[in-house]
PDB file of N, CA and C in Angstrom:
ATOM      1  N   MET A   1     151.835 130.894   1.728  1.00  0.00           N
ATOM      2  CA  MET A   1     153.064 130.595   2.545  1.00  0.00           C
ATOM      3  C   MET A   1     154.326 130.834   1.743  1.00  0.00           C
ATOM      4  N   PRO A   2     155.018 132.032   1.915  1.00  0.00           N
ATOM      5  CA  PRO A   2     156.252 132.135   1.080  1.00  0.00           C
ATOM      6  C   PRO A   2     157.369 131.123   1.360  1.00  0.00           C
ATOM      7  N   HIS A   3     158.341 131.046   0.518  1.00  0.00           N
ATOM      8  CA  HIS A   3     159.451 130.159   0.682  1.00  0.00           C
ATOM      9  C   HIS A   3     160.669 130.846   0.444  1.00  0.00           C
ATOM     10  N   ALA A   4     161.754 130.574   1.109  1.00  0.00           N
ATOM     11  CA  ALA A   4     162.892 131.183   1.024  1.00  0.00           C
ATOM     12  C   ALA A   4     164.125 130.207   1.046  1.00  0.00           C
ATOM     13  N   GLU A   5     165.112 130.240   0.001  1.00  0.00           N
ATOM     14  CA  GLU A   5     166.244 129.280   0.022  1.00  0.00           C
ATOM     15  C   GLU A   5     167.471 130.168  -0.121  1.00  0.00           C
ATOM     16  N   LEU A   6     168.578 129.771   0.617  1.00  0.00           N
ATOM     17  CA  LEU A   6     169.807 130.410   0.618  1.00  0.00           C
ATOM     18  C   LEU A   6     170.798 129.284   0.154  1.00  0.00           C
ATOM     19  N   LYS A   7     171.621 129.722  -0.841  1.00  0.00           N
ATOM     20  CA  LYS A   7     172.701 128.599  -1.262  1.00  0.00           C
ATOM     21  C   LYS A   7     173.876 129.575  -1.191  1.00  0.00           C
ATOM     22  N   TYR A   8     174.950 129.028  -0.543  1.00  0.00           N
ATOM     23  CA  TYR A   8     176.165 130.085  -0.054  1.00  0.00           C
ATOM     24  C   TYR A   8     177.262 129.157   0.006  1.00  0.00           C
ATOM     25  N   SER A   9     178.512 129.752  -0.234  1.00  0.00           N
ATOM     26  CA  SER A   9     179.688 129.127  -0.071  1.00  0.00           C
ATOM     27  C   SER A   9     180.189 129.163   1.353  1.00  0.00           C
ATOM     28  N   THR A  10     180.681 128.253   2.052  1.00  0.00           N
ATOM     29  CA  THR A  10     181.072 128.071   3.224  1.00  0.00           C
ATOM     30  C   THR A  10     182.097 129.105   4.026  1.00  0.00           C
ATOM     31  N   ASP A  11     182.647 129.743   3.052  1.00  0.00           N
ATOM     32  CA  ASP A  11     183.655 130.721   3.654  1.00  0.00           C
ATOM     33  C   ASP A  11     183.039 132.011   4.103  1.00  0.00           C
ATOM     34  N   LEU A  12     181.839 132.071   3.786  1.00  0.00           N
ATOM     35  CA  LEU A  12     180.866 133.197   4.367  1.00  0.00           C
ATOM     36  C   LEU A  12     180.681 133.016   5.817  1.00  0.00           C
ATOM     37  N   ASP A  13     180.889 134.077   6.725  1.00  0.00           N
ATOM     38  CA  ASP A  13     180.525 133.677   8.083  1.00  0.00           C
ATOM     39  C   ASP A  13     179.190 134.519   8.200  1.00  0.00           C
ATOM     40  N   ILE A  14     178.135 133.841   7.892  1.00  0.00           N
ATOM     41  CA  ILE A  14     177.024 134.172   8.066  1.00  0.00           C
ATOM     42  C   ILE A  14     176.098 133.224   8.855  1.00  0.00           C
ATOM     43  N   ASP A  15     174.919 133.974   9.296  1.00  0.00           N
ATOM     44  CA  ASP A  15     173.986 133.150  10.156  1.00  0.00           C
ATOM     45  C   ASP A  15     172.843 132.978   9.425  1.00  0.00           C
ATOM     46  N   PRO A  16     172.780 131.704   8.673  1.00  0.00           N
ATOM     47  CA  PRO A  16     171.577 131.505   7.640  1.00  0.00           C
ATOM     48  C   PRO A  16     170.337 131.596   8.449  1.00  0.00           C
ATOM     49  N   ASN A  17     170.231 131.022   9.533  1.00  0.00           N
ATOM     50  CA  ASN A  17     168.818 131.019  10.276  1.00  0.00           C
ATOM     51  C   ASN A  17     168.419 132.624  10.733  1.00  0.00           C
ATOM     52  N   ALA A  18     169.329 133.410  10.867  1.00  0.00           N
ATOM     53  CA  ALA A  18     169.032 134.783  11.315  1.00  0.00           C
ATOM     54  C   ALA A  18     168.708 135.523   9.766  1.00  0.00           C
ATOM     55  N   ILE A  19     169.204 135.283   8.572  1.00  0.00           N
ATOM     56  CA  ILE A  19     168.709 135.688   7.379  1.00  0.00           C
ATOM     57  C   ILE A  19     167.523 135.191   7.041  1.00  0.00           C
ATOM     58  N   LEU A  20     167.239 133.907   7.176  1.00  0.00           N
ATOM     59  CA  LEU A  20     165.832 133.433   6.911  1.00  0.00           C
ATOM     60  C   LEU A  20     164.734 134.049   7.758  1.00  0.00           C
ATOM     61  N   ALA A  21     165.029 134.420   8.821  1.00  0.00           N
ATOM     62  CA  ALA A  21     164.110 135.172   9.937  1.00  0.00           C
ATOM     63  C   ALA A  21     164.033 136.543   9.256  1.00  0.00           C
ATOM     64  N   GLU A  22     165.188 137.138   8.836  1.00  0.00           N
ATOM     65  CA  GLU A  22     164.803 138.570   8.437  1.00  0.00           C
ATOM     66  C   GLU A  22     164.233 138.545   7.171  1.00  0.00           C
ATOM     67  N   ILE A  23     164.317 137.547   6.321  1.00  0.00           N
ATOM     68  CA  ILE A  23     163.491 137.583   4.993  1.00  0.00           C
ATOM     69  C   ILE A  23     162.022 137.622   5.411  1.00  0.00           C
ATOM     70  N   GLU A  24     161.592 136.719   6.321  1.00  0.00           N
ATOM     71  CA  GLU A  24     160.346 136.520   6.802  1.00  0.00           C
ATOM     72  C   GLU A  24     159.770 137.964   7.337  1.00  0.00           C
ATOM     73  N   THR A  25     160.497 138.722   8.250  1.00  0.00           N
ATOM     74  CA  THR A  25     160.382 139.876   8.635  1.00  0.00           C
ATOM     75  C   THR A  25     160.069 140.984   7.670  1.00  0.00           C
ATOM     76  N   VAL A  26     160.839 140.979   6.648  1.00  0.00           N
ATOM     77  CA  VAL A  26     160.894 141.872   5.560  1.00  0.00           C
ATOM     78  C   VAL A  26     159.513 141.662   4.715  1.00  0.00           C
ATOM     79  N   ILE A  27     159.254 140.455   4.474  1.00  0.00           N
ATOM     80  CA  ILE A  27     158.032 140.053   3.655  1.00  0.00           C
ATOM     81  C   ILE A  27     156.716 140.574   4.622  1.00  0.00           C
ATOM     82  N   LEU A  28     156.835 140.150   5.735  1.00  0.00           N
ATOM     83  CA  LEU A  28     155.635 140.817   6.505  1.00  0.00           C
ATOM     84  C   LEU A  28     155.474 142.187   6.672  1.00  0.00           C
ATOM     85  N   GLU A  29     156.502 142.943   6.562  1.00  0.00           N
ATOM     86  CA  GLU A  29     156.543 144.341   6.515  1.00  0.00           C
ATOM     87  C   GLU A  29     155.857 144.775   5.269  1.00  0.00           C
ATOM     88  N   HIS A  30     156.109 144.172   4.286  1.00  0.00           N
ATOM     89  CA  HIS A  30     155.333 144.572   2.887  1.00  0.00           C
ATOM     90  C   HIS A  30     153.914 143.945   2.728  1.00  0.00           C
ATOM     91  N   ASP A  31     153.864 142.849   3.279  1.00  0.00           N
ATOM     92  CA  ASP A  31     152.440 142.151   3.234  1.00  0.00           C
ATOM     93  C   ASP A  31     152.258 141.422   4.580  1.00  0.00           C
ATOM     94  N   ASP A  32     151.524 142.125   5.479  1.00  0.00           N
ATOM     95  CA  ASP A  32     151.282 141.545   6.740  1.00  0.00           C
ATOM     96  C   ASP A  32     150.271 140.332   6.876  1.00  0.00           C
ATOM     97  N   ASN A  33     149.779 139.971   5.741  1.00  0.00           N
ATOM     98  CA  ASN A  33     148.999 138.666   5.713  1.00  0.00           C
ATOM     99  C   ASN A  33     149.813 137.396   4.790  1.00  0.00           C
ATOM    100  N   ALA A  34     150.964 137.660   4.665  1.00  0.00           N
ATOM    101  CA  ALA A  34     151.756 136.721   4.021  1.00  0.00           C
ATOM    102  C   ALA A  34     152.028 135.347   4.810  1.00  0.00           C
ATOM    103  N   GLY A  35     151.910 135.409   6.010  1.00  0.00           N
ATOM    104  CA  GLY A  35     152.077 134.205   6.904  1.00  0.00           C
ATOM    105  C   GLY A  35     153.581 133.976   7.202  1.00  0.00           C
ATOM    106  N   ASP A  36     153.743 132.676   7.598  1.00  0.00           N
ATOM    107  CA  ASP A  36     155.202 132.177   7.859  1.00  0.00           C
ATOM    108  C   ASP A  36     155.821 132.070   6.492  1.00  0.00           C
ATOM    109  N   CYS A  37     157.064 132.133   6.442  1.00  0.00           N
ATOM    110  CA  CYS A  37     158.007 131.958   5.440  1.00  0.00           C
ATOM    111  C   CYS A  37     158.733 130.792   5.564  1.00  0.00           C
ATOM    112  N   LYS A  38     158.569 129.553   4.977  1.00  0.00           N
ATOM    113  CA  LYS A  38     159.504 128.368   5.054  1.00  0.00           C
ATOM    114  C   LYS A  38     160.749 128.927   4.530  1.00  0.00           C
ATOM    115  N   GLY A  39     161.879 128.529   5.228  1.00  0.00           N
ATOM    116  CA  GLY A  39     163.154 128.622   4.657  1.00  0.00           C
ATOM    117  C   GLY A  39     164.146 127.444   4.855  1.00  0.00           C
ATOM    118  N   ARG A  40     165.189 127.474   3.934  1.00  0.00           N
ATOM    119  CA  ARG A  40     166.293 126.367   4.028  1.00  0.00           C
ATOM    120  C   ARG A  40     167.290 127.233   3.517  1.00  0.00           C
ATOM    121  N   GLY A  41     168.523 126.580   4.077  1.00  0.00           N
ATOM    122  CA  GLY A  41     169.861 126.931   3.906  1.00  0.00           C
ATOM    123  C   GLY A  41     170.581 125.830   3.654  1.00  0.00           C
ATOM    124  N   TYR A  42     171.481 126.183   2.162  1.00  0.00           N
ATOM    125  CA  TYR A  42     172.303 125.023   1.733  1.00  0.00           C
ATOM    126  C   TYR A  42     173.736 125.450   1.472  1.00  0.00           C
ATOM    127  N   PRO A  43     174.579 125.269   2.555  1.00  0.00           N
ATOM    128  CA  PRO A  43     175.674 125.677   2.513  1.00  0.00           C
ATOM    129  C   PRO A  43     176.696 124.640   1.549  1.00  0.00           C
ATOM    130  N   THR A  44     177.555 125.207   0.833  1.00  0.00           N
ATOM    131  CA  THR A  44     178.672 124.146   0.204  1.00  0.00           C
ATOM    132  C   THR A  44     179.969 124.502   0.329  1.00  0.00           C
ATOM    133  N   ASP A  45     180.885 123.433   0.398  1.00  0.00           N
ATOM    134  CA  ASP A  45     182.172 123.406   0.557  1.00  0.00           C
ATOM    135  C   ASP A  45     182.742 123.638  -0.945  1.00  0.00           C
ATOM    136  N   HIS A  46     181.898 123.175  -1.980  1.00  0.00           N
ATOM    137  CA  HIS A  46     182.619 123.019  -3.168  1.00  0.00           C
ATOM    138  C   HIS A  46     181.870 124.400  -4.119  1.00  0.00           C
ATOM    139  N   TYR A  47     182.709 125.347  -4.362  1.00  0.00           N
ATOM    140  CA  TYR A  47     182.244 126.429  -5.009  1.00  0.00           C
ATOM    141  C   TYR A  47     183.473 127.257  -5.870  1.00  0.00           C
ATOM    142  N   HIS A  48     183.027 127.876  -6.633  1.00  0.00           N
ATOM    143  CA  HIS A  48     184.109 128.789  -7.329  1.00  0.00           C
ATOM    144  C   HIS A  48     183.746 130.244  -7.134  1.00  0.00           C
ATOM    145  N   HIS A  49     184.474 130.949  -6.414  1.00  0.00           N
ATOM    146  CA  HIS A  49     184.123 132.327  -5.903  1.00  0.00           C
ATOM    147  C   HIS A  49     183.087 132.404  -4.672  1.00  0.00           C
ATOM    148  N   SER A  50     183.284 133.129  -3.610  1.00  0.00           N
ATOM    149  CA  SER A  50     182.490 133.273  -2.623  1.00  0.00           C
ATOM    150  C   SER A  50     181.176 133.877  -3.203  1.00  0.00           C
ATOM    151  N   HIS A  51     180.135 133.351  -2.672  1.00  0.00           N
ATOM    152  CA  HIS A  51     178.793 133.811  -3.082  1.00  0.00           C
ATOM    153  C   HIS A  51     177.675 133.346  -2.272  1.00  0.00           C
ATOM    154  N   ILE A  52     176.520 134.190  -2.367  1.00  0.00           N
ATOM    155  CA  ILE A  52     175.189 133.759  -1.726  1.00  0.00           C
ATOM    156  C   ILE A  52     174.075 134.048  -2.663  1.00  0.00           C
ATOM    157  N   HIS A  53     173.342 132.995  -2.997  1.00  0.00           N
ATOM    158  CA  HIS A  53     172.131 133.111  -3.911  1.00  0.00           C
ATOM    159  C   HIS A  53     170.968 132.871  -2.948  1.00  0.00           C
ATOM    160  N   ILE A  54     169.919 133.825  -2.976  1.00  0.00           N
ATOM    161  CA  ILE A  54     168.642 133.854  -2.400  1.00  0.00           C
ATOM    162  C   ILE A  54     167.476 133.780  -3.203  1.00  0.00           C
ATOM    163  N   SER A  55     166.675 132.879  -3.230  1.00  0.00           N
ATOM    164  CA  SER A  55     165.478 132.667  -3.829  1.00  0.00           C
ATOM    165  C   SER A  55     164.351 132.764  -3.031  1.00  0.00           C
ATOM    166  N   VAL A  56     163.436 133.580  -3.274  1.00  0.00           N
ATOM    167  CA  VAL A  56     162.196 133.900  -2.590  1.00  0.00           C
ATOM    168  C   VAL A  56     160.867 133.604  -3.487  1.00  0.00           C
ATOM    169  N   ALA A  57     159.913 132.838  -2.922  1.00  0.00           N
ATOM    170  CA  ALA A  57     158.925 132.517  -3.704  1.00  0.00           C
ATOM    171  C   ALA A  57     157.585 132.979  -3.078  1.00  0.00           C
ATOM    172  N   LEU A  58     156.783 133.493  -3.783  1.00  0.00           N
ATOM    173  CA  LEU A  58     155.481 133.923  -3.021  1.00  0.00           C
ATOM    174  C   LEU A  58     154.209 133.745  -4.078  1.00  0.00           C
ATOM    175  N   LEU A  59     153.145 133.369  -3.453  1.00  0.00           N
ATOM    176  CA  LEU A  59     151.830 133.132  -4.491  1.00  0.00           C
ATOM    177  C   LEU A  59     151.599 134.373  -5.131  1.00  0.00           C
ATOM    178  N   ALA A  60     150.933 134.402  -6.154  1.00  0.00           N
ATOM    179  CA  ALA A  60     150.443 135.373  -7.086  1.00  0.00           C
ATOM    180  C   ALA A  60     149.053 135.898  -6.289  1.00  0.00           C
ATOM    181  N   LYS A  61     149.110 137.267  -6.080  1.00  0.00           N
ATOM    182  CA  LYS A  61     147.794 137.809  -5.441  1.00  0.00           C
ATOM    183  C   LYS A  61     147.849 139.142  -6.217  1.00  0.00           C
ATOM    184  N   ALA A  62     146.514 139.608  -6.267  1.00  0.00           N
ATOM    185  CA  ALA A  62     146.210 140.869  -6.766  1.00  0.00           C
ATOM    186  C   ALA A  62     147.109 142.202  -6.362  1.00  0.00           C
ATOM    187  N   HIS A  63     147.439 142.192  -5.002  1.00  0.00           N
ATOM    188  CA  HIS A  63     148.266 143.374  -4.676  1.00  0.00           C
ATOM    189  C   HIS A  63     149.657 143.269  -4.780  1.00  0.00           C
ATOM    190  N   ARG A  64     150.125 141.907  -5.139  1.00  0.00           N
ATOM    191  CA  ARG A  64     151.427 141.712  -5.509  1.00  0.00           C
ATOM    192  C   ARG A  64     151.587 142.079  -6.835  1.00  0.00           C
ATOM    193  N   ASP A  65     151.949 143.300  -7.182  1.00  0.00           N
ATOM    194  CA  ASP A  65     152.210 143.639  -8.487  1.00  0.00           C
ATOM    195  C   ASP A  65     153.659 144.252  -8.702  1.00  0.00           C
ATOM    196  N   GLU A  66     154.068 144.580  -9.814  1.00  0.00           N
ATOM    197  CA  GLU A  66     155.330 144.819 -10.131  1.00  0.00           C
ATOM    198  C   GLU A  66     155.809 145.837  -9.082  1.00  0.00           C
ATOM    199  N   LYS A  67     155.181 146.827  -8.614  1.00  0.00           N
ATOM    200  CA  LYS A  67     155.554 147.733  -7.640  1.00  0.00           C
ATOM    201  C   LYS A  67     155.995 147.245  -6.191  1.00  0.00           C
ATOM    202  N   PHE A  68     154.918 146.185  -5.940  1.00  0.00           N
ATOM    203  CA  PHE A  68     154.989 145.453  -4.624  1.00  0.00           C
ATOM    204  C   PHE A  68     156.333 144.760  -4.730  1.00  0.00           C
ATOM    205  N   PHE A  69     156.741 144.001  -5.806  1.00  0.00           N
ATOM    206  CA  PHE A  69     157.821 143.106  -5.993  1.00  0.00           C
ATOM    207  C   PHE A  69     159.083 143.768  -6.003  1.00  0.00           C
ATOM    208  N   GLN A  70     159.258 145.022  -6.611  1.00  0.00           N
ATOM    209  CA  GLN A  70     160.365 145.972  -6.678  1.00  0.00           C
ATOM    210  C   GLN A  70     160.623 146.488  -5.177  1.00  0.00           C
ATOM    211  N   ALA A  71     159.647 146.981  -4.521  1.00  0.00           N
ATOM    212  CA  ALA A  71     159.954 147.325  -3.141  1.00  0.00           C
ATOM    213  C   ALA A  71     160.477 146.190  -2.254  1.00  0.00           C
ATOM    214  N   LEU A  72     159.895 145.048  -2.420  1.00  0.00           N
ATOM    215  CA  LEU A  72     160.183 144.077  -1.574  1.00  0.00           C
ATOM    216  C   LEU A  72     161.665 143.583  -1.828  1.00  0.00           C
ATOM    217  N   SER A  73     161.926 143.566  -3.260  1.00  0.00           N
ATOM    218  CA  SER A  73     163.329 143.118  -3.741  1.00  0.00           C
ATOM    219  C   SER A  73     164.359 144.168  -3.163  1.00  0.00           C
ATOM    220  N   GLY A  74     164.107 145.450  -3.183  1.00  0.00           N
ATOM    221  CA  GLY A  74     164.954 146.462  -2.686  1.00  0.00           C
ATOM    222  C   GLY A  74     165.250 146.416  -1.254  1.00  0.00           C
ATOM    223  N   ALA A  75     164.098 145.950  -0.453  1.00  0.00           N
ATOM    224  CA  ALA A  75     164.067 146.001   1.053  1.00  0.00           C
ATOM    225  C   ALA A  75     165.015 144.588   1.485  1.00  0.00           C
ATOM    226  N   LEU A  76     164.632 143.512   0.590  1.00  0.00           N
ATOM    227  CA  LEU A  76     165.358 142.313   1.049  1.00  0.00           C
ATOM    228  C   LEU A  76     166.896 142.559   0.635  1.00  0.00           C
ATOM    229  N   GLU A  77     167.130 142.987  -0.374  1.00  0.00           N
ATOM    230  CA  GLU A  77     168.560 143.228  -0.806  1.00  0.00           C
ATOM    231  C   GLU A  77     169.383 143.978   0.263  1.00  0.00           C
ATOM    232  N   THR A  78     168.913 145.061   0.689  1.00  0.00           N
ATOM    233  CA  THR A  78     169.405 146.111   1.629  1.00  0.00           C
ATOM    234  C   THR A  78     169.471 145.279   2.993  1.00  0.00           C
ATOM    235  N   ARG A  79     168.603 144.677   3.375  1.00  0.00           N
ATOM    236  CA  ARG A  79     168.556 144.027   4.783  1.00  0.00           C
ATOM    237  C   ARG A  79     169.478 142.826   4.927  1.00  0.00           C
ATOM    238  N   ILE A  80     169.597 141.957   3.743  1.00  0.00           N
ATOM    239  CA  ILE A  80     170.433 140.776   3.818  1.00  0.00           C
ATOM    240  C   ILE A  80     171.971 141.225   3.473  1.00  0.00           C
ATOM    241  N   LYS A  81     172.137 142.163   2.748  1.00  0.00           N
ATOM    242  CA  LYS A  81     173.555 142.453   2.566  1.00  0.00           C
ATOM    243  C   LYS A  81     174.029 142.938   3.886  1.00  0.00           C
ATOM    244  N   GLN A  82     173.251 143.616   4.864  1.00  0.00           N
ATOM    245  CA  GLN A  82     173.828 144.180   6.161  1.00  0.00           C
ATOM    246  C   GLN A  82     174.141 143.063   6.942  1.00  0.00           C
ATOM    247  N   MET A  83     173.878 141.695   6.622  1.00  0.00           N
ATOM    248  CA  MET A  83     174.129 140.652   7.410  1.00  0.00           C
ATOM    249  C   MET A  83     175.477 139.725   6.805  1.00  0.00           C
ATOM    250  N   ILE A  84     175.981 140.149   5.754  1.00  0.00           N
ATOM    251  CA  ILE A  84     177.102 139.578   5.099  1.00  0.00           C
ATOM    252  C   ILE A  84     178.322 140.511   5.509  1.00  0.00           C
ATOM    253  N   PRO A  85     179.346 139.815   6.192  1.00  0.00           N
ATOM    254  CA  PRO A  85     180.436 140.584   6.774  1.00  0.00           C
ATOM    255  C   PRO A  85     181.708 140.701   5.698  1.00  0.00           C
ATOM    256  N   ILE A  86     181.679 139.862   4.609  1.00  0.00           N
ATOM    257  CA  ILE A  86     182.587 139.982   3.716  1.00  0.00           C
ATOM    258  C   ILE A  86     182.272 140.197   2.197  1.00  0.00           C
ATOM    259  N   PRO A  87     183.075 140.582   1.477  1.00  0.00           N
ATOM    260  CA  PRO A  87     182.752 140.708  -0.037  1.00  0.00           C
ATOM    261  C   PRO A  87     182.377 139.468  -0.509  1.00  0.00           C
ATOM    262  N   CYS A  88     181.475 139.324  -1.388  1.00  0.00           N
ATOM    263  CA  CYS A  88     181.039 138.197  -2.200  1.00  0.00           C
ATOM    264  C   CYS A  88     180.203 138.436  -3.318  1.00  0.00           C
ATOM    265  N   TYR A  89     180.055 137.517  -4.214  1.00  0.00           N
ATOM    266  CA  TYR A  89     178.947 137.716  -5.140  1.00  0.00           C
ATOM    267  C   TYR A  89     177.610 137.399  -4.544  1.00  0.00           C
ATOM    268  N   PHE A  90     176.714 138.358  -5.093  1.00  0.00           N
ATOM    269  CA  PHE A  90     175.413 138.359  -4.316  1.00  0.00           C
ATOM    270  C   PHE A  90     174.196 138.122  -5.420  1.00  0.00           C
ATOM    271  N   SER A  91     173.221 137.278  -5.175  1.00  0.00           N
ATOM    272  CA  SER A  91     172.154 137.317  -6.028  1.00  0.00           C
ATOM    273  C   SER A  91     170.907 137.134  -5.303  1.00  0.00           C
ATOM    274  N   LEU A  92     169.794 137.701  -5.832  1.00  0.00           N
ATOM    275  CA  LEU A  92     168.639 137.589  -5.130  1.00  0.00           C
ATOM    276  C   LEU A  92     167.504 137.353  -6.402  1.00  0.00           C
ATOM    277  N   GLY A  93     166.617 136.368  -6.193  1.00  0.00           N
ATOM    278  CA  GLY A  93     165.595 136.287  -7.136  1.00  0.00           C
ATOM    279  C   GLY A  93     164.298 136.111  -6.481  1.00  0.00           C
ATOM    280  N   LEU A  94     163.249 136.815  -6.980  1.00  0.00           N
ATOM    281  CA  LEU A  94     161.937 136.713  -6.488  1.00  0.00           C
ATOM    282  C   LEU A  94     161.129 135.872  -7.527  1.00  0.00           C
ATOM    283  N   GLU A  95     160.298 135.178  -7.069  1.00  0.00           N
ATOM    284  CA  GLU A  95     159.530 134.169  -7.889  1.00  0.00           C
ATOM    285  C   GLU A  95     158.110 134.224  -7.584  1.00  0.00           C
ATOM    286  N   ILE A  96     157.281 134.165  -8.501  1.00  0.00           N
ATOM    287  CA  ILE A  96     155.788 134.224  -8.367  1.00  0.00           C
ATOM    288  C   ILE A  96     155.272 132.849  -8.446  1.00  0.00           C
ATOM    289  N   LEU A  97     154.654 132.184  -7.284  1.00  0.00           N
ATOM    290  CA  LEU A  97     154.267 130.786  -7.540  1.00  0.00           C
ATOM    291  C   LEU A  97     152.998 130.711  -8.419  1.00  0.00           C
ATOM    292  N   PRO A  98     152.695 129.697  -9.079  1.00  0.00           N
ATOM    293  CA  PRO A  98     151.253 129.474  -9.731  1.00  0.00           C
ATOM    294  C   PRO A  98     150.127 129.453  -8.858  1.00  0.00           C
ATOM    295  N   ALA A  99     149.219 129.955  -9.254  1.00  0.00           N
ATOM    296  CA  ALA A  99     147.643 129.960  -8.447  1.00  0.00           C
ATOM    297  C   ALA A  99     147.396 128.547  -8.052  1.00  0.00           C
ATOM    298  N   LEU A 100     147.729 127.590  -8.482  1.00  0.00           N
ATOM    299  CA  LEU A 100     147.314 126.294  -8.074  1.00  0.00           C
ATOM    300  C   LEU A 100     148.491 125.310  -7.320  1.00  0.00           C
ATOM    301  N   TYR A 101     149.462 126.186  -6.924  1.00  0.00           N
ATOM    302  CA  TYR A 101     150.325 125.780  -6.059  1.00  0.00           C
ATOM    303  C   TYR A 101     149.835 125.478  -4.599  1.00  0.00           C
ATOM    304  N   VAL A 102     150.059 124.381  -3.894  1.00  0.00           N
ATOM    305  CA  VAL A 102     149.509 123.946  -2.726  1.00  0.00           C
ATOM    306  C   VAL A 102     150.498 124.004  -1.543  1.00  0.00           C
ATOM    307  N   ALA A 103     150.367 124.699  -0.570  1.00  0.00           N
ATOM    308  CA  ALA A 103     151.225 124.767   0.422  1.00  0.00           C
ATOM    309  C   ALA A 103     150.330 125.236   1.892  1.00  0.00           C
ATOM    310  N   GLY A 104     151.031 124.578   2.665  1.00  0.00           N
ATOM    311  CA  GLY A 104     150.500 124.877   4.116  1.00  0.00           C
ATOM    312  C   GLY A 104     150.697 123.814   5.256  1.00  0.00           C
ATOM    313  N   PRO A 105     150.399 123.941   6.295  1.00  0.00           N
ATOM    314  CA  PRO A 105     150.908 122.977   7.438  1.00  0.00           C
ATOM    315  C   PRO A 105     150.106 121.670   7.192  1.00  0.00           C
ATOM    316  N   TYR A 106     150.991 120.615   7.505  1.00  0.00           N
ATOM    317  CA  TYR A 106     150.233 119.130   7.271  1.00  0.00           C
ATOM    318  C   TYR A 106     150.361 118.523   8.815  1.00  0.00           C
ATOM    319  N   GLU A 107     149.134 117.932   9.082  1.00  0.00           N
ATOM    320  CA  GLU A 107     149.001 117.339  10.552  1.00  0.00           C
ATOM    321  C   GLU A 107     148.503 115.988  10.139  1.00  0.00           C
ATOM    322  N   PRO A 108     149.009 114.762  10.233  1.00  0.00           N
ATOM    323  CA  PRO A 108     148.281 113.463   9.949  1.00  0.00           C
ATOM    324  C   PRO A 108     147.308 113.190  11.036  1.00  0.00           C
TER     325      PRO A 108
END
């Protein structure tokens, strides 16, 4: 289960839920077995320069090689930037989670 986090200055007129949904869509276009992408947005009123920082984390799998991550990164950057209406600092990081990372639905 991939994870995505957005950290952004509140002067950006963005829809964080739409961006998180787009991240999930792009991931599934590159890996249709990736599953749901958990996402969180962290707006802040305390910042220096307008910015958005996106972190996406996926489990290590054999088919997720350097070529996969380069293609995914490029597609994410293109699609997310289309959703940001004003100039700002932009950063995007992809992270590979360790093989022993535990994630999934929980039902008591």
